[in-house]
Amino acid sequence: MFVTHAVVEVWRGVKIGGETPAGVYNRVTGCDPLATLTVEAV
């Protein structure tokens, strides 16, 4: 990864409902143990 410069997926998630980027995303794949990510509107 660091030596070979290979691309490694860290976190990929999906958001259910709505088209705004704010909301709760659930992890689908990736090596990060974080299960959900919340994006708040500013």
PDB file of N, CA and C in Angstrom:
ATOM      1  N   MET A   1       0.833  -1.170   0.000  1.00  0.00           N
ATOM      2  CA  MET A   1       0.000   0.000   0.000  1.00  0.00           C
ATOM      3  C   MET A   1       0.884   1.242   0.000  1.00  0.00           C
ATOM      4  N   PHE A   2       1.791   1.396   0.969  1.00  0.00           N
ATOM      5  CA  PHE A   2       2.635   2.583   0.999  1.00  0.00           C
ATOM      6  C   PHE A   2       3.854   2.419   0.099  1.00  0.00           C
ATOM      7  N   VAL A   3       4.360   1.215   0.002  1.00  0.00           N
ATOM      8  CA  VAL A   3       5.544   0.972  -0.809  1.00  0.00           C
ATOM      9  C   VAL A   3       5.185   0.836  -2.285  1.00  0.00           C
ATOM     10  N   THR A   4       4.078   0.155  -2.565  1.00  0.00           N
ATOM     11  CA  THR A   4       3.691  -0.098  -3.955  1.00  0.00           C
ATOM     12  C   THR A   4       2.794   0.981  -4.536  1.00  0.00           C
ATOM     13  N   HIS A   5       2.308   1.903  -3.702  1.00  0.00           N
ATOM     14  CA  HIS A   5       1.378   2.963  -4.117  1.00  0.00           C
ATOM     15  C   HIS A   5       0.061   2.400  -4.639  1.00  0.00           C
ATOM     16  N   ALA A   6      -0.312   1.208  -4.146  1.00  0.00           N
ATOM     17  CA  ALA A   6      -1.586   0.600  -4.532  1.00  0.00           C
ATOM     18  C   ALA A   6      -2.736   1.384  -3.901  1.00  0.00           C
ATOM     19  N   VAL A   7      -3.853   1.452  -4.596  1.00  0.00           N
ATOM     20  CA  VAL A   7      -5.032   2.137  -4.085  1.00  0.00           C
ATOM     21  C   VAL A   7      -5.815   1.154  -3.217  1.00  0.00           C
ATOM     22  N   VAL A   8      -6.122   1.574  -1.988  1.00  0.00           N
ATOM     23  CA  VAL A   8      -6.853   0.731  -1.052  1.00  0.00           C
ATOM     24  C   VAL A   8      -8.122   1.474  -0.639  1.00  0.00           C
ATOM     25  N   GLU A   9      -9.252   0.822  -0.781  1.00  0.00           N
ATOM     26  CA  GLU A   9     -10.513   1.446  -0.386  1.00  0.00           C
ATOM     27  C   GLU A   9     -10.615   1.460   1.138  1.00  0.00           C
ATOM     28  N   VAL A  10     -10.746   2.653   1.714  1.00  0.00           N
ATOM     29  CA  VAL A  10     -10.794   2.799   3.157  1.00  0.00           C
ATOM     30  C   VAL A  10     -12.239   2.752   3.651  1.00  0.00           C
ATOM     31  N   TRP A  11     -13.136   3.439   2.983  1.00  0.00           N
ATOM     32  CA  TRP A  11     -14.526   3.479   3.436  1.00  0.00           C
ATOM     33  C   TRP A  11     -15.423   3.822   2.266  1.00  0.00           C
ATOM     34  N   ARG A  12     -16.467   3.021   2.040  1.00  0.00           N
ATOM     35  CA  ARG A  12     -17.471   3.329   1.020  1.00  0.00           C
ATOM     36  C   ARG A  12     -18.833   3.097   1.652  1.00  0.00           C
ATOM     37  N   GLY A  13     -19.709   4.077   1.521  1.00  0.00           N
ATOM     38  CA  GLY A  13     -21.021   3.949   2.136  1.00  0.00           C
ATOM     39  C   GLY A  13     -22.126   4.427   1.227  1.00  0.00           C
ATOM     40  N   VAL A  14     -23.343   4.140   1.643  1.00  0.00           N
ATOM     41  CA  VAL A  14     -24.528   4.574   0.910  1.00  0.00           C
ATOM     42  C   VAL A  14     -25.445   5.308   1.869  1.00  0.00           C
ATOM     43  N   LYS A  15     -26.206   6.237   1.309  1.00  0.00           N
ATOM     44  CA  LYS A  15     -27.184   6.998   2.088  1.00  0.00           C
ATOM     45  C   LYS A  15     -28.557   6.638   1.548  1.00  0.00           C
ATOM     46  N   ILE A  16     -29.441   6.304   2.447  1.00  0.00           N
ATOM     47  CA  ILE A  16     -30.800   5.943   2.053  1.00  0.00           C
ATOM     48  C   ILE A  16     -31.678   7.189   2.109  1.00  0.00           C
ATOM     49  N   GLY A  17     -32.354   7.476   1.012  1.00  0.00           N
ATOM     50  CA  GLY A  17     -33.316   8.573   0.972  1.00  0.00           C
ATOM     51  C   GLY A  17     -32.702   9.941   0.770  1.00  0.00           C
ATOM     52  N   GLY A  18     -33.357  10.735  -0.057  1.00  0.00           N
ATOM     53  CA  GLY A  18     -32.960  12.122  -0.277  1.00  0.00           C
ATOM     54  C   GLY A  18     -31.766  12.268  -1.202  1.00  0.00           C
ATOM     55  N   GLU A  19     -31.658  13.459  -1.769  1.00  0.00           N
ATOM     56  CA  GLU A  19     -30.557  13.730  -2.691  1.00  0.00           C
ATOM     57  C   GLU A  19     -29.541  14.707  -2.121  1.00  0.00           C
ATOM     58  N   THR A  20     -29.807  15.259  -0.930  1.00  0.00           N
ATOM     59  CA  THR A  20     -28.844  16.164  -0.317  1.00  0.00           C
ATOM     60  C   THR A  20     -27.711  15.345   0.289  1.00  0.00           C
ATOM     61  N   PRO A  21     -26.513  15.897   0.328  1.00  0.00           N
ATOM     62  CA  PRO A  21     -25.392  15.146   0.879  1.00  0.00           C
ATOM     63  C   PRO A  21     -25.469  14.955   2.401  1.00  0.00           C
ATOM     64  N   ALA A  22     -26.261  15.773   3.099  1.00  0.00           N
ATOM     65  CA  ALA A  22     -26.385  15.630   4.551  1.00  0.00           C
ATOM     66  C   ALA A  22     -27.215  14.403   4.890  1.00  0.00           C
ATOM     67  N   GLY A  23     -26.798  13.682   5.921  1.00  0.00           N
ATOM     68  CA  GLY A  23     -27.543  12.509   6.358  1.00  0.00           C
ATOM     69  C   GLY A  23     -26.615  11.456   6.925  1.00  0.00           C
ATOM     70  N   VAL A  24     -27.160  10.278   7.153  1.00  0.00           N
ATOM     71  CA  VAL A  24     -26.403   9.169   7.721  1.00  0.00           C
ATOM     72  C   VAL A  24     -26.050   8.194   6.604  1.00  0.00           C
ATOM     73  N   TYR A  25     -24.777   7.879   6.515  1.00  0.00           N
ATOM     74  CA  TYR A  25     -24.280   6.926   5.526  1.00  0.00           C
ATOM     75  C   TYR A  25     -23.889   5.636   6.241  1.00  0.00           C
ATOM     76  N   ASN A  26     -24.265   4.500   5.688  1.00  0.00           N
ATOM     77  CA  ASN A  26     -23.902   3.199   6.246  1.00  0.00           C
ATOM     78  C   ASN A  26     -22.775   2.608   5.425  1.00  0.00           C
ATOM     79  N   ARG A  27     -21.766   2.068   6.112  1.00  0.00           N
ATOM     80  CA  ARG A  27     -20.611   1.484   5.421  1.00  0.00           C
ATOM     81  C   ARG A  27     -21.033   0.230   4.678  1.00  0.00           C
ATOM     82  N   VAL A  28     -20.587   0.124   3.431  1.00  0.00           N
ATOM     83  CA  VAL A  28     -20.844  -1.041   2.603  1.00  0.00           C
ATOM     84  C   VAL A  28     -19.565  -1.868   2.494  1.00  0.00           C
ATOM     85  N   THR A  29     -18.456  -1.222   2.173  1.00  0.00           N
ATOM     86  CA  THR A  29     -17.171  -1.903   2.058  1.00  0.00           C
ATOM     87  C   THR A  29     -16.078  -1.010   2.607  1.00  0.00           C
ATOM     88  N   GLY A  30     -14.897  -1.571   2.730  1.00  0.00           N
ATOM     89  CA  GLY A  30     -13.743  -0.809   3.188  1.00  0.00           C
ATOM     90  C   GLY A  30     -13.135  -1.422   4.428  1.00  0.00           C
ATOM     91  N   CYS A  31     -11.940  -0.996   4.758  1.00  0.00           N
ATOM     92  CA  CYS A  31     -11.225  -1.576   5.888  1.00  0.00           C
ATOM     93  C   CYS A  31     -11.383  -0.777   7.172  1.00  0.00           C
ATOM     94  N   ASP A  32     -11.991   0.402   7.134  1.00  0.00           N
ATOM     95  CA  ASP A  32     -12.215   1.202   8.336  1.00  0.00           C
ATOM     96  C   ASP A  32     -13.352   0.575   9.145  1.00  0.00           C
ATOM     97  N   PRO A  33     -13.191   0.392  10.456  1.00  0.00           N
ATOM     98  CA  PRO A  33     -14.240  -0.242  11.258  1.00  0.00           C
ATOM     99  C   PRO A  33     -15.457   0.645  11.542  1.00  0.00           C
ATOM    100  N   LEU A  34     -15.405   1.924  11.179  1.00  0.00           N
ATOM    101  CA  LEU A  34     -16.522   2.838  11.410  1.00  0.00           C
ATOM    102  C   LEU A  34     -17.744   2.361  10.622  1.00  0.00           C
ATOM    103  N   ALA A  35     -18.856   2.042  11.310  1.00  0.00           N
ATOM    104  CA  ALA A  35     -20.038   1.485  10.651  1.00  0.00           C
ATOM    105  C   ALA A  35     -20.915   2.547   9.990  1.00  0.00           C
ATOM    106  N   THR A  36     -21.022   3.728  10.607  1.00  0.00           N
ATOM    107  CA  THR A  36     -21.837   4.790  10.039  1.00  0.00           C
ATOM    108  C   THR A  36     -21.093   6.121  10.082  1.00  0.00           C
ATOM    109  N   LEU A  37     -21.506   7.013   9.214  1.00  0.00           N
ATOM    110  CA  LEU A  37     -20.921   8.347   9.141  1.00  0.00           C
ATOM    111  C   LEU A  37     -22.066   9.329   8.997  1.00  0.00           C
ATOM    112  N   THR A  38     -22.099  10.365   9.813  1.00  0.00           N
ATOM    113  CA  THR A  38     -23.144  11.365   9.748  1.00  0.00           C
ATOM    114  C   THR A  38     -22.584  12.657   9.176  1.00  0.00           C
ATOM    115  N   VAL A  39     -23.213  13.161   8.114  1.00  0.00           N
ATOM    116  CA  VAL A  39     -22.823  14.417   7.484  1.00  0.00           C
ATOM    117  C   VAL A  39     -23.922  15.427   7.800  1.00  0.00           C
ATOM    118  N   GLU A  40     -23.539  16.539   8.433  1.00  0.00           N
ATOM    119  CA  GLU A  40     -24.508  17.558   8.810  1.00  0.00           C
ATOM    120  C   GLU A  40     -24.469  18.726   7.837  1.00  0.00           C
ATOM    121  N   ALA A  41     -25.629  19.306   7.586  1.00  0.00           N
ATOM    122  CA  ALA A  41     -25.713  20.492   6.740  1.00  0.00           C
ATOM    123  C   ALA A  41     -25.198  21.697   7.516  1.00  0.00           C
ATOM    124  N   VAL A  42     -24.557  22.620   6.818  1.00  0.00           N
ATOM    125  CA  VAL A  42     -24.004  23.791   7.468  1.00  0.00           C
ATOM    126  C   VAL A  42     -24.923  24.968   7.316  1.00  0.00           C
TER     127      VAL A  42
END
